[in-house]
Amino acid sequence: MLRQISLGSVGLVVGGGLSIVGFTAYFLDNATLNLVGFFYGIPLLLGGLALKAAELKPVPFSQPTPEAILSLREQQATSTQNQIRKDVTRYRYGQEAHLDSSLKYLGLDPSDEERPVLQSIREEAIDGSYALVLEFESPLIKFEDWQKKREKIERFFGPGLRVELHQSGSPDENRVDVTLIATPDAAGNTESLG
């Protein structure tokens, strides 16, 4: 639950409140509250502003995950799938986009302007196996380029995962689904994604 709370917003609210108390205390000649407001409130307010500027919001689920899929996740999800799901569904700081270092390594991030953007995720069962689907908006990288990288994507996120690529909607919509499917013997594999 704490992953869904913006530290920047908390810093702004707490720091702003303490700063207002400090300024009010200054005008009312209350030295103790004045010091609390200035020494704690202003740094917290500035820290909140800095975090808000470097904040990357969580990626939403495009559809609710049914109980049957949650049970399948508990049984079959690899540590890589769990790490990706947890990382992209929480606030991040100091990154330009979700999975930016992974996309760069895979050769799918030639520049900031061309980078595919992770829009949402969903969880499914495919042939009885747990699958995590990453839904990208990819206007400048063609689906054919994604397909050429499929084996490299599979090696990067594997072992224990099979990767399928699908172009969702019409070709003009520029949507690419990267489906990470757990293979039955895959539970417990770990990969650092950055």
N, C-alpha and C. Protein backbone atom coordinates (compact mmCIF):
# COMPACT_ATOMS: atom_id res chain seq x y z
N MET A 1 0.81 -1.18 0.00
CA MET A 1 0.00 0.00 0.00
C MET A 1 0.86 1.26 0.00
N LEU A 2 2.00 1.21 0.71
CA LEU A 2 2.88 2.37 0.74
C LEU A 2 3.47 2.69 -0.63
N ARG A 3 3.52 1.67 -1.52
CA ARG A 3 4.05 1.89 -2.86
C ARG A 3 3.18 2.85 -3.64
N GLN A 4 1.90 2.96 -3.26
CA GLN A 4 0.95 3.79 -3.98
C GLN A 4 0.88 5.21 -3.44
N ILE A 5 1.73 5.55 -2.47
CA ILE A 5 1.74 6.89 -1.89
C ILE A 5 2.91 7.68 -2.46
N SER A 6 2.62 8.86 -2.93
CA SER A 6 3.65 9.73 -3.50
C SER A 6 4.41 10.43 -2.38
N LEU A 7 5.72 10.15 -2.27
CA LEU A 7 6.54 10.81 -1.26
C LEU A 7 6.63 12.31 -1.52
N GLY A 8 6.58 12.70 -2.78
CA GLY A 8 6.60 14.13 -3.12
C GLY A 8 5.37 14.84 -2.57
N SER A 9 4.21 14.22 -2.71
CA SER A 9 2.98 14.82 -2.18
C SER A 9 3.00 14.89 -0.66
N VAL A 10 3.51 13.84 -0.02
CA VAL A 10 3.61 13.84 1.45
C VAL A 10 4.54 14.98 1.89
N GLY A 11 5.68 15.13 1.22
CA GLY A 11 6.60 16.21 1.56
C GLY A 11 5.99 17.59 1.36
N LEU A 12 5.21 17.74 0.29
CA LEU A 12 4.56 19.03 0.04
C LEU A 12 3.52 19.34 1.11
N VAL A 13 2.72 18.36 1.48
CA VAL A 13 1.66 18.60 2.46
C VAL A 13 2.25 18.87 3.84
N VAL A 14 3.15 17.98 4.30
CA VAL A 14 3.73 18.15 5.64
C VAL A 14 4.61 19.40 5.69
N GLY A 15 5.47 19.56 4.69
CA GLY A 15 6.35 20.73 4.66
C GLY A 15 5.58 22.02 4.52
N GLY A 16 4.54 22.01 3.68
CA GLY A 16 3.71 23.22 3.52
C GLY A 16 3.00 23.57 4.81
N GLY A 17 2.46 22.54 5.48
CA GLY A 17 1.76 22.79 6.75
C GLY A 17 2.69 23.34 7.81
N LEU A 18 3.87 22.74 7.96
CA LEU A 18 4.83 23.23 8.95
C LEU A 18 5.34 24.62 8.60
N SER A 19 5.50 24.91 7.33
CA SER A 19 5.95 26.25 6.92
C SER A 19 4.90 27.30 7.25
N ILE A 20 3.64 26.98 7.02
CA ILE A 20 2.56 27.92 7.36
C ILE A 20 2.52 28.15 8.87
N VAL A 21 2.69 27.06 9.64
CA VAL A 21 2.74 27.20 11.11
C VAL A 21 3.91 28.09 11.50
N GLY A 22 5.05 27.91 10.85
CA GLY A 22 6.23 28.72 11.16
C GLY A 22 6.03 30.19 10.85
N PHE A 23 5.46 30.49 9.70
CA PHE A 23 5.22 31.90 9.34
C PHE A 23 4.18 32.52 10.26
N THR A 24 3.13 31.77 10.59
CA THR A 24 2.11 32.27 11.51
C THR A 24 2.72 32.54 12.88
N ALA A 25 3.54 31.60 13.36
CA ALA A 25 4.20 31.76 14.67
C ALA A 25 5.14 32.96 14.66
N TYR A 26 5.78 33.21 13.54
CA TYR A 26 6.69 34.36 13.44
C TYR A 26 5.93 35.66 13.66
N PHE A 27 4.76 35.77 13.04
CA PHE A 27 3.97 37.00 13.18
C PHE A 27 3.29 37.09 14.55
N LEU A 28 3.11 35.96 15.23
CA LEU A 28 2.50 35.96 16.56
C LEU A 28 3.55 35.94 17.67
N ASP A 29 4.82 36.06 17.33
CA ASP A 29 5.93 36.09 18.27
C ASP A 29 6.06 34.81 19.11
N ASN A 30 5.85 33.66 18.52
CA ASN A 30 6.03 32.38 19.19
C ASN A 30 7.30 31.75 18.62
N ALA A 31 8.40 31.93 19.33
CA ALA A 31 9.71 31.54 18.82
C ALA A 31 9.85 30.03 18.61
N THR A 32 9.26 29.23 19.47
CA THR A 32 9.40 27.77 19.36
C THR A 32 8.75 27.25 18.08
N LEU A 33 7.49 27.59 17.86
CA LEU A 33 6.80 27.16 16.65
C LEU A 33 7.43 27.78 15.40
N ASN A 34 7.95 28.99 15.55
CA ASN A 34 8.61 29.65 14.44
C ASN A 34 9.81 28.82 13.99
N LEU A 35 10.63 28.35 14.93
CA LEU A 35 11.80 27.54 14.60
C LEU A 35 11.41 26.21 13.98
N VAL A 36 10.36 25.56 14.53
CA VAL A 36 9.90 24.29 13.97
C VAL A 36 9.49 24.50 12.51
N GLY A 37 8.74 25.55 12.26
CA GLY A 37 8.27 25.81 10.89
C GLY A 37 9.40 26.07 9.92
N PHE A 38 10.36 26.89 10.35
CA PHE A 38 11.45 27.24 9.45
C PHE A 38 12.49 26.12 9.29
N PHE A 39 12.83 25.45 10.39
CA PHE A 39 13.90 24.45 10.32
C PHE A 39 13.43 23.09 9.80
N TYR A 40 12.15 22.79 9.95
CA TYR A 40 11.63 21.52 9.46
C TYR A 40 10.71 21.70 8.25
N GLY A 41 9.86 22.71 8.32
CA GLY A 41 8.86 22.90 7.27
C GLY A 41 9.45 23.25 5.91
N ILE A 42 10.33 24.22 5.88
CA ILE A 42 10.88 24.66 4.58
C ILE A 42 11.73 23.57 3.93
N PRO A 43 12.64 22.88 4.66
CA PRO A 43 13.37 21.78 4.01
C PRO A 43 12.45 20.66 3.52
N LEU A 44 11.41 20.32 4.30
CA LEU A 44 10.47 19.29 3.85
C LEU A 44 9.71 19.75 2.61
N LEU A 45 9.34 21.00 2.58
CA LEU A 45 8.64 21.56 1.41
C LEU A 45 9.54 21.52 0.18
N LEU A 46 10.79 21.90 0.32
CA LEU A 46 11.73 21.86 -0.81
C LEU A 46 12.02 20.43 -1.24
N GLY A 47 12.15 19.53 -0.26
CA GLY A 47 12.34 18.11 -0.59
C GLY A 47 11.14 17.55 -1.33
N GLY A 48 9.94 17.91 -0.90
CA GLY A 48 8.72 17.48 -1.58
C GLY A 48 8.66 17.99 -3.01
N LEU A 49 9.07 19.24 -3.21
CA LEU A 49 9.10 19.79 -4.57
C LEU A 49 10.11 19.05 -5.45
N ALA A 50 11.28 18.74 -4.89
CA ALA A 50 12.30 18.01 -5.65
C ALA A 50 11.82 16.61 -6.01
N LEU A 51 11.20 15.91 -5.07
CA LEU A 51 10.68 14.57 -5.36
C LEU A 51 9.55 14.63 -6.39
N LYS A 52 8.70 15.64 -6.29
CA LYS A 52 7.59 15.77 -7.25
C LYS A 52 8.13 15.99 -8.66
N ALA A 53 9.23 16.74 -8.77
CA ALA A 53 9.82 17.00 -10.09
C ALA A 53 10.44 15.74 -10.70
N ALA A 54 10.92 14.83 -9.84
CA ALA A 54 11.58 13.61 -10.33
C ALA A 54 10.68 12.39 -10.25
N GLU A 55 9.39 12.59 -10.07
CA GLU A 55 8.46 11.50 -9.82
C GLU A 55 7.97 10.84 -11.11
N LEU A 56 7.92 9.52 -11.08
CA LEU A 56 7.36 8.72 -12.18
C LEU A 56 6.19 7.96 -11.58
N LYS A 57 4.99 8.23 -12.10
CA LYS A 57 3.77 7.65 -11.52
C LYS A 57 3.65 6.17 -11.85
N PRO A 58 2.95 5.43 -10.99
CA PRO A 58 2.75 3.99 -11.24
C PRO A 58 1.94 3.74 -12.51
N VAL A 59 2.23 2.63 -13.14
CA VAL A 59 1.48 2.20 -14.32
C VAL A 59 0.22 1.49 -13.83
N PRO A 60 -0.94 1.81 -14.39
CA PRO A 60 -2.17 1.15 -13.93
C PRO A 60 -2.36 -0.23 -14.56
N PHE A 61 -3.21 -1.02 -13.96
CA PHE A 61 -3.67 -2.27 -14.58
C PHE A 61 -4.76 -1.89 -15.57
N SER A 62 -4.71 -2.45 -16.78
CA SER A 62 -5.72 -2.12 -17.78
C SER A 62 -7.04 -2.82 -17.50
N GLN A 63 -7.00 -3.88 -16.69
CA GLN A 63 -8.21 -4.58 -16.28
C GLN A 63 -7.95 -5.24 -14.94
N PRO A 64 -8.98 -5.39 -14.12
CA PRO A 64 -8.78 -6.05 -12.82
C PRO A 64 -8.33 -7.50 -13.00
N THR A 65 -7.51 -7.95 -12.08
CA THR A 65 -7.02 -9.33 -12.14
C THR A 65 -7.99 -10.24 -11.39
N PRO A 66 -8.56 -11.24 -12.07
CA PRO A 66 -9.49 -12.17 -11.40
C PRO A 66 -8.77 -13.01 -10.34
N GLU A 67 -9.55 -13.50 -9.37
CA GLU A 67 -9.00 -14.33 -8.29
C GLU A 67 -8.26 -15.55 -8.82
N ALA A 68 -8.78 -16.17 -9.88
CA ALA A 68 -8.13 -17.36 -10.43
C ALA A 68 -6.73 -17.04 -10.93
N ILE A 69 -6.56 -15.86 -11.52
CA ILE A 69 -5.23 -15.45 -12.02
C ILE A 69 -4.31 -15.13 -10.84
N LEU A 70 -4.85 -14.51 -9.79
CA LEU A 70 -4.04 -14.23 -8.60
C LEU A 70 -3.52 -15.53 -7.99
N SER A 71 -4.36 -16.55 -7.96
CA SER A 71 -3.95 -17.86 -7.46
C SER A 71 -2.87 -18.46 -8.35
N LEU A 72 -3.04 -18.33 -9.67
CA LEU A 72 -2.05 -18.83 -10.61
C LEU A 72 -0.72 -18.08 -10.45
N ARG A 73 -0.81 -16.77 -10.19
CA ARG A 73 0.41 -15.96 -9.95
C ARG A 73 1.18 -16.50 -8.75
N GLU A 74 0.46 -16.80 -7.68
CA GLU A 74 1.11 -17.33 -6.48
C GLU A 74 1.84 -18.64 -6.75
N GLN A 75 1.29 -19.46 -7.65
CA GLN A 75 1.86 -20.77 -7.93
C GLN A 75 2.99 -20.72 -8.96
N GLN A 76 2.86 -19.86 -9.98
CA GLN A 76 3.76 -19.97 -11.13
C GLN A 76 4.63 -18.76 -11.43
N ALA A 77 4.28 -17.59 -10.94
CA ALA A 77 5.02 -16.38 -11.34
C ALA A 77 6.49 -16.49 -10.97
N THR A 78 7.34 -16.10 -11.90
CA THR A 78 8.78 -16.08 -11.64
C THR A 78 9.11 -14.82 -10.85
N SER A 79 10.27 -14.81 -10.24
CA SER A 79 10.68 -13.61 -9.49
C SER A 79 10.84 -12.43 -10.44
N THR A 80 11.20 -12.67 -11.69
CA THR A 80 11.32 -11.59 -12.66
C THR A 80 9.95 -10.97 -12.94
N GLN A 81 8.94 -11.79 -13.15
CA GLN A 81 7.59 -11.26 -13.37
C GLN A 81 7.12 -10.47 -12.15
N ASN A 82 7.34 -11.00 -10.97
CA ASN A 82 6.93 -10.30 -9.75
C ASN A 82 7.68 -8.98 -9.58
N GLN A 83 8.97 -8.98 -9.89
CA GLN A 83 9.76 -7.76 -9.76
C GLN A 83 9.27 -6.70 -10.73
N ILE A 84 9.01 -7.08 -11.97
CA ILE A 84 8.51 -6.11 -12.95
C ILE A 84 7.18 -5.54 -12.49
N ARG A 85 6.26 -6.43 -12.09
CA ARG A 85 4.92 -5.98 -11.67
C ARG A 85 5.02 -5.01 -10.50
N LYS A 86 5.83 -5.34 -9.51
CA LYS A 86 5.97 -4.48 -8.34
C LYS A 86 6.66 -3.16 -8.69
N ASP A 87 7.69 -3.21 -9.54
CA ASP A 87 8.43 -2.00 -9.89
C ASP A 87 7.59 -1.00 -10.69
N VAL A 88 6.81 -1.49 -11.63
CA VAL A 88 6.08 -0.54 -12.49
C VAL A 88 4.77 -0.06 -11.87
N THR A 89 4.32 -0.71 -10.78
CA THR A 89 3.06 -0.29 -10.15
C THR A 89 3.32 0.51 -8.87
N ARG A 90 4.50 1.08 -8.74
CA ARG A 90 4.78 1.96 -7.61
C ARG A 90 5.43 3.25 -8.11
N TYR A 91 5.43 4.25 -7.25
CA TYR A 91 6.10 5.51 -7.60
C TYR A 91 7.59 5.25 -7.69
N ARG A 92 8.22 5.84 -8.70
CA ARG A 92 9.67 5.74 -8.89
C ARG A 92 10.21 7.17 -8.95
N TYR A 93 11.47 7.33 -8.59
CA TYR A 93 12.08 8.66 -8.56
C TYR A 93 13.41 8.63 -9.31
N GLY A 94 13.63 9.63 -10.12
CA GLY A 94 14.89 9.77 -10.84
C GLY A 94 14.97 8.97 -12.13
N GLN A 95 13.89 8.37 -12.56
CA GLN A 95 13.87 7.65 -13.84
C GLN A 95 13.01 8.43 -14.82
N GLU A 96 13.35 8.31 -16.10
CA GLU A 96 12.59 9.01 -17.12
C GLU A 96 11.35 8.23 -17.54
N ALA A 97 11.43 6.91 -17.50
CA ALA A 97 10.31 6.06 -17.90
C ALA A 97 10.45 4.70 -17.23
N HIS A 98 9.33 4.00 -17.10
CA HIS A 98 9.38 2.64 -16.56
C HIS A 98 10.15 1.73 -17.52
N LEU A 99 11.00 0.90 -16.97
CA LEU A 99 11.81 -0.07 -17.71
C LEU A 99 12.75 0.60 -18.73
N ASP A 100 13.13 1.85 -18.48
CA ASP A 100 13.97 2.58 -19.44
C ASP A 100 15.33 1.91 -19.65
N SER A 101 15.97 1.42 -18.57
CA SER A 101 17.28 0.78 -18.75
C SER A 101 17.13 -0.56 -19.48
N SER A 102 16.03 -1.27 -19.24
CA SER A 102 15.80 -2.54 -19.95
C SER A 102 15.58 -2.29 -21.43
N LEU A 103 14.78 -1.28 -21.77
CA LEU A 103 14.53 -0.95 -23.18
C LEU A 103 15.82 -0.52 -23.87
N LYS A 104 16.65 0.23 -23.16
CA LYS A 104 17.92 0.68 -23.74
C LYS A 104 18.82 -0.52 -24.04
N TYR A 105 18.90 -1.46 -23.08
CA TYR A 105 19.72 -2.65 -23.28
C TYR A 105 19.22 -3.48 -24.47
N LEU A 106 17.91 -3.55 -24.62
CA LEU A 106 17.31 -4.35 -25.70
C LEU A 106 17.38 -3.66 -27.06
N GLY A 107 17.84 -2.40 -27.09
CA GLY A 107 17.93 -1.67 -28.36
C GLY A 107 16.59 -1.11 -28.81
N LEU A 108 15.66 -0.94 -27.87
CA LEU A 108 14.34 -0.40 -28.19
C LEU A 108 14.17 1.01 -27.67
N ASP A 109 15.27 1.66 -27.35
CA ASP A 109 15.24 3.02 -26.81
C ASP A 109 16.36 3.85 -27.46
N PRO A 110 16.24 4.11 -28.77
CA PRO A 110 17.33 4.85 -29.43
C PRO A 110 17.47 6.28 -28.92
N SER A 111 16.38 6.90 -28.49
CA SER A 111 16.44 8.26 -27.94
C SER A 111 15.21 8.48 -27.08
N ASP A 112 15.22 9.56 -26.28
CA ASP A 112 14.09 9.84 -25.41
C ASP A 112 12.80 10.05 -26.21
N GLU A 113 12.91 10.62 -27.40
CA GLU A 113 11.73 10.90 -28.21
C GLU A 113 11.13 9.62 -28.81
N GLU A 114 11.97 8.62 -29.05
CA GLU A 114 11.52 7.40 -29.71
C GLU A 114 11.18 6.28 -28.73
N ARG A 115 11.44 6.49 -27.45
CA ARG A 115 11.26 5.44 -26.45
C ARG A 115 9.80 4.99 -26.39
N PRO A 116 9.55 3.67 -26.42
CA PRO A 116 8.20 3.17 -26.17
C PRO A 116 7.82 3.48 -24.72
N VAL A 117 6.56 3.76 -24.48
CA VAL A 117 6.09 4.12 -23.15
C VAL A 117 5.16 3.03 -22.64
N LEU A 118 5.46 2.52 -21.47
CA LEU A 118 4.61 1.51 -20.85
C LEU A 118 3.34 2.20 -20.36
N GLN A 119 2.20 1.86 -20.98
CA GLN A 119 0.92 2.50 -20.66
C GLN A 119 0.17 1.80 -19.54
N SER A 120 0.20 0.46 -19.55
CA SER A 120 -0.53 -0.31 -18.55
C SER A 120 -0.03 -1.75 -18.57
N ILE A 121 -0.48 -2.52 -17.59
CA ILE A 121 -0.16 -3.94 -17.54
C ILE A 121 -1.45 -4.71 -17.25
N ARG A 122 -1.41 -6.00 -17.51
CA ARG A 122 -2.52 -6.88 -17.12
C ARG A 122 -1.96 -8.28 -16.88
N GLU A 123 -2.73 -9.08 -16.17
CA GLU A 123 -2.33 -10.45 -15.87
C GLU A 123 -3.35 -11.38 -16.49
N GLU A 124 -2.86 -12.47 -17.10
CA GLU A 124 -3.72 -13.42 -17.79
C GLU A 124 -3.23 -14.84 -17.55
N ALA A 125 -4.06 -15.79 -17.96
CA ALA A 125 -3.65 -17.19 -18.01
C ALA A 125 -3.61 -17.57 -19.49
N ILE A 126 -2.47 -18.06 -19.94
CA ILE A 126 -2.33 -18.48 -21.33
C ILE A 126 -1.93 -19.95 -21.32
N ASP A 127 -2.80 -20.79 -21.86
CA ASP A 127 -2.58 -22.25 -21.88
C ASP A 127 -2.25 -22.79 -20.49
N GLY A 128 -2.92 -22.26 -19.47
CA GLY A 128 -2.72 -22.74 -18.10
C GLY A 128 -1.51 -22.16 -17.40
N SER A 129 -0.81 -21.23 -18.05
CA SER A 129 0.39 -20.63 -17.44
C SER A 129 0.12 -19.16 -17.12
N TYR A 130 0.74 -18.69 -16.04
CA TYR A 130 0.62 -17.28 -15.66
C TYR A 130 1.36 -16.41 -16.66
N ALA A 131 0.72 -15.29 -17.06
CA ALA A 131 1.33 -14.37 -18.01
C ALA A 131 1.16 -12.93 -17.53
N LEU A 132 2.23 -12.17 -17.62
CA LEU A 132 2.21 -10.74 -17.35
C LEU A 132 2.33 -10.03 -18.69
N VAL A 133 1.36 -9.18 -19.00
CA VAL A 133 1.33 -8.49 -20.28
C VAL A 133 1.69 -7.02 -20.07
N LEU A 134 2.76 -6.58 -20.74
CA LEU A 134 3.21 -5.19 -20.69
C LEU A 134 2.66 -4.50 -21.94
N GLU A 135 1.84 -3.48 -21.76
CA GLU A 135 1.17 -2.80 -22.87
C GLU A 135 1.90 -1.48 -23.17
N PHE A 136 2.63 -1.47 -24.28
CA PHE A 136 3.43 -0.31 -24.66
C PHE A 136 2.75 0.51 -25.74
N GLU A 137 2.96 1.81 -25.67
CA GLU A 137 2.64 2.73 -26.76
C GLU A 137 3.97 2.95 -27.47
N SER A 138 4.02 2.57 -28.75
CA SER A 138 5.29 2.59 -29.49
C SER A 138 5.09 3.25 -30.85
N PRO A 139 4.93 4.59 -30.89
CA PRO A 139 4.63 5.25 -32.16
C PRO A 139 5.80 5.30 -33.14
N LEU A 140 7.03 5.28 -32.65
CA LEU A 140 8.16 5.47 -33.56
C LEU A 140 8.99 4.20 -33.79
N ILE A 141 8.70 3.15 -33.04
CA ILE A 141 9.38 1.88 -33.27
C ILE A 141 8.34 0.91 -33.81
N LYS A 142 8.59 0.44 -35.02
CA LYS A 142 7.62 -0.42 -35.70
C LYS A 142 7.53 -1.79 -35.03
N PHE A 143 6.37 -2.43 -35.22
CA PHE A 143 6.15 -3.76 -34.65
C PHE A 143 7.16 -4.76 -35.19
N GLU A 144 7.56 -4.60 -36.44
CA GLU A 144 8.55 -5.50 -37.03
C GLU A 144 9.88 -5.42 -36.29
N ASP A 145 10.24 -4.23 -35.82
CA ASP A 145 11.47 -4.07 -35.04
C ASP A 145 11.36 -4.79 -33.69
N TRP A 146 10.19 -4.74 -33.08
CA TRP A 146 9.95 -5.49 -31.85
C TRP A 146 10.11 -6.99 -32.12
N GLN A 147 9.54 -7.46 -33.22
CA GLN A 147 9.60 -8.89 -33.54
C GLN A 147 11.05 -9.36 -33.74
N LYS A 148 11.88 -8.51 -34.34
CA LYS A 148 13.29 -8.87 -34.53
C LYS A 148 14.01 -9.03 -33.20
N LYS A 149 13.52 -8.37 -32.16
CA LYS A 149 14.16 -8.41 -30.84
C LYS A 149 13.53 -9.45 -29.91
N ARG A 150 12.56 -10.21 -30.37
CA ARG A 150 11.82 -11.13 -29.50
C ARG A 150 12.75 -12.09 -28.76
N GLU A 151 13.67 -12.72 -29.47
CA GLU A 151 14.58 -13.67 -28.83
C GLU A 151 15.48 -12.99 -27.81
N LYS A 152 15.93 -11.79 -28.10
CA LYS A 152 16.77 -11.04 -27.16
C LYS A 152 15.95 -10.66 -25.92
N ILE A 153 14.70 -10.30 -26.12
CA ILE A 153 13.82 -9.98 -24.99
C ILE A 153 13.64 -11.22 -24.12
N GLU A 154 13.43 -12.36 -24.75
CA GLU A 154 13.23 -13.62 -24.03
C GLU A 154 14.48 -13.99 -23.22
N ARG A 155 15.66 -13.82 -23.82
CA ARG A 155 16.91 -14.12 -23.10
C ARG A 155 17.10 -13.14 -21.95
N PHE A 156 16.74 -11.87 -22.16
CA PHE A 156 16.94 -10.85 -21.14
C PHE A 156 16.05 -11.10 -19.92
N PHE A 157 14.78 -11.40 -20.14
CA PHE A 157 13.86 -11.60 -19.03
C PHE A 157 13.86 -13.03 -18.50
N GLY A 158 14.38 -13.97 -19.28
CA GLY A 158 14.40 -15.37 -18.86
C GLY A 158 15.58 -15.65 -17.97
N PRO A 159 15.86 -16.87 -17.65
CA PRO A 159 15.21 -18.10 -18.10
C PRO A 159 13.87 -18.29 -17.40
N GLY A 160 13.13 -19.25 -17.90
CA GLY A 160 11.85 -19.56 -17.28
C GLY A 160 10.69 -18.77 -17.82
N LEU A 161 10.94 -17.96 -18.85
CA LEU A 161 9.87 -17.17 -19.45
C LEU A 161 9.87 -17.35 -20.96
N ARG A 162 8.69 -17.40 -21.51
CA ARG A 162 8.51 -17.37 -22.96
C ARG A 162 7.90 -16.02 -23.28
N VAL A 163 8.34 -15.40 -24.36
CA VAL A 163 7.85 -14.07 -24.74
C VAL A 163 7.05 -14.15 -26.02
N GLU A 164 5.88 -13.54 -25.99
CA GLU A 164 5.07 -13.39 -27.19
C GLU A 164 4.80 -11.91 -27.40
N LEU A 165 4.83 -11.50 -28.66
CA LEU A 165 4.56 -10.10 -29.02
C LEU A 165 3.29 -10.04 -29.84
N HIS A 166 2.46 -9.05 -29.53
CA HIS A 166 1.22 -8.85 -30.27
C HIS A 166 1.03 -7.37 -30.52
N GLN A 167 0.50 -7.05 -31.68
CA GLN A 167 0.14 -5.67 -31.96
C GLN A 167 -1.34 -5.54 -31.66
N SER A 168 -1.66 -4.78 -30.62
CA SER A 168 -3.06 -4.67 -30.23
C SER A 168 -3.72 -3.55 -31.04
N GLY A 169 -4.98 -3.76 -31.39
CA GLY A 169 -5.70 -2.77 -32.19
C GLY A 169 -5.23 -2.79 -33.63
N SER A 170 -5.46 -1.71 -34.32
CA SER A 170 -5.02 -1.60 -35.71
C SER A 170 -3.55 -1.19 -35.76
N PRO A 171 -2.87 -1.42 -36.90
CA PRO A 171 -1.46 -1.03 -37.00
C PRO A 171 -1.24 0.47 -36.79
N ASP A 172 -2.27 1.27 -37.01
CA ASP A 172 -2.13 2.72 -36.82
C ASP A 172 -2.13 3.12 -35.35
N GLU A 173 -2.55 2.22 -34.47
CA GLU A 173 -2.64 2.56 -33.05
C GLU A 173 -1.29 2.50 -32.34
N ASN A 174 -0.30 1.85 -32.94
CA ASN A 174 1.06 1.81 -32.39
C ASN A 174 1.13 1.19 -30.99
N ARG A 175 0.30 0.20 -30.73
CA ARG A 175 0.30 -0.47 -29.44
C ARG A 175 0.95 -1.85 -29.58
N VAL A 176 1.86 -2.15 -28.66
CA VAL A 176 2.55 -3.43 -28.68
C VAL A 176 2.40 -4.07 -27.30
N ASP A 177 1.92 -5.30 -27.28
CA ASP A 177 1.82 -6.06 -26.03
C ASP A 177 2.99 -7.04 -25.97
N VAL A 178 3.77 -6.93 -24.90
CA VAL A 178 4.86 -7.87 -24.64
C VAL A 178 4.36 -8.80 -23.54
N THR A 179 4.14 -10.05 -23.89
CA THR A 179 3.58 -11.02 -22.95
C THR A 179 4.69 -11.91 -22.42
N LEU A 180 4.89 -11.87 -21.10
CA LEU A 180 5.90 -12.69 -20.43
C LEU A 180 5.17 -13.87 -19.80
N ILE A 181 5.35 -15.06 -20.37
CA ILE A 181 4.62 -16.26 -19.95
C ILE A 181 5.56 -17.18 -19.17
N ALA A 182 5.13 -17.52 -17.96
CA ALA A 182 5.94 -18.42 -17.12
C ALA A 182 5.89 -19.83 -17.71
N THR A 183 7.06 -20.46 -17.75
CA THR A 183 7.08 -21.87 -18.13
C THR A 183 7.01 -22.66 -16.83
N PRO A 184 6.39 -23.83 -16.82
CA PRO A 184 6.12 -24.55 -15.56
C PRO A 184 7.31 -24.76 -14.64
N ASP A 185 8.50 -24.92 -15.17
CA ASP A 185 9.67 -25.18 -14.32
C ASP A 185 10.42 -23.91 -13.97
N ALA A 186 9.78 -22.72 -14.13
CA ALA A 186 10.50 -21.46 -14.04
C ALA A 186 10.46 -20.78 -12.69
N ALA A 187 9.66 -21.19 -11.77
CA ALA A 187 9.49 -20.45 -10.53
C ALA A 187 10.82 -20.25 -9.81
N GLY A 188 11.02 -19.00 -9.34
CA GLY A 188 12.20 -18.72 -8.52
C GLY A 188 13.37 -18.12 -9.27
N ASN A 189 13.29 -17.88 -10.56
CA ASN A 189 14.41 -17.28 -11.28
C ASN A 189 14.44 -15.78 -11.03
N THR A 190 15.63 -15.21 -10.95
CA THR A 190 15.79 -13.80 -10.66
C THR A 190 16.66 -13.14 -11.72
N GLU A 191 16.28 -11.93 -12.10
CA GLU A 191 17.07 -11.15 -13.06
C GLU A 191 17.01 -9.71 -12.61
N SER A 192 18.12 -9.01 -12.65
CA SER A 192 18.13 -7.60 -12.27
C SER A 192 17.72 -6.76 -13.47
N LEU A 193 16.67 -5.94 -13.27
CA LEU A 193 16.10 -5.20 -14.41
C LEU A 193 16.47 -3.74 -14.41
N GLY A 194 16.86 -3.15 -13.32
CA GLY A 194 17.24 -1.75 -13.23
C GLY A 194 16.22 -0.77 -13.55
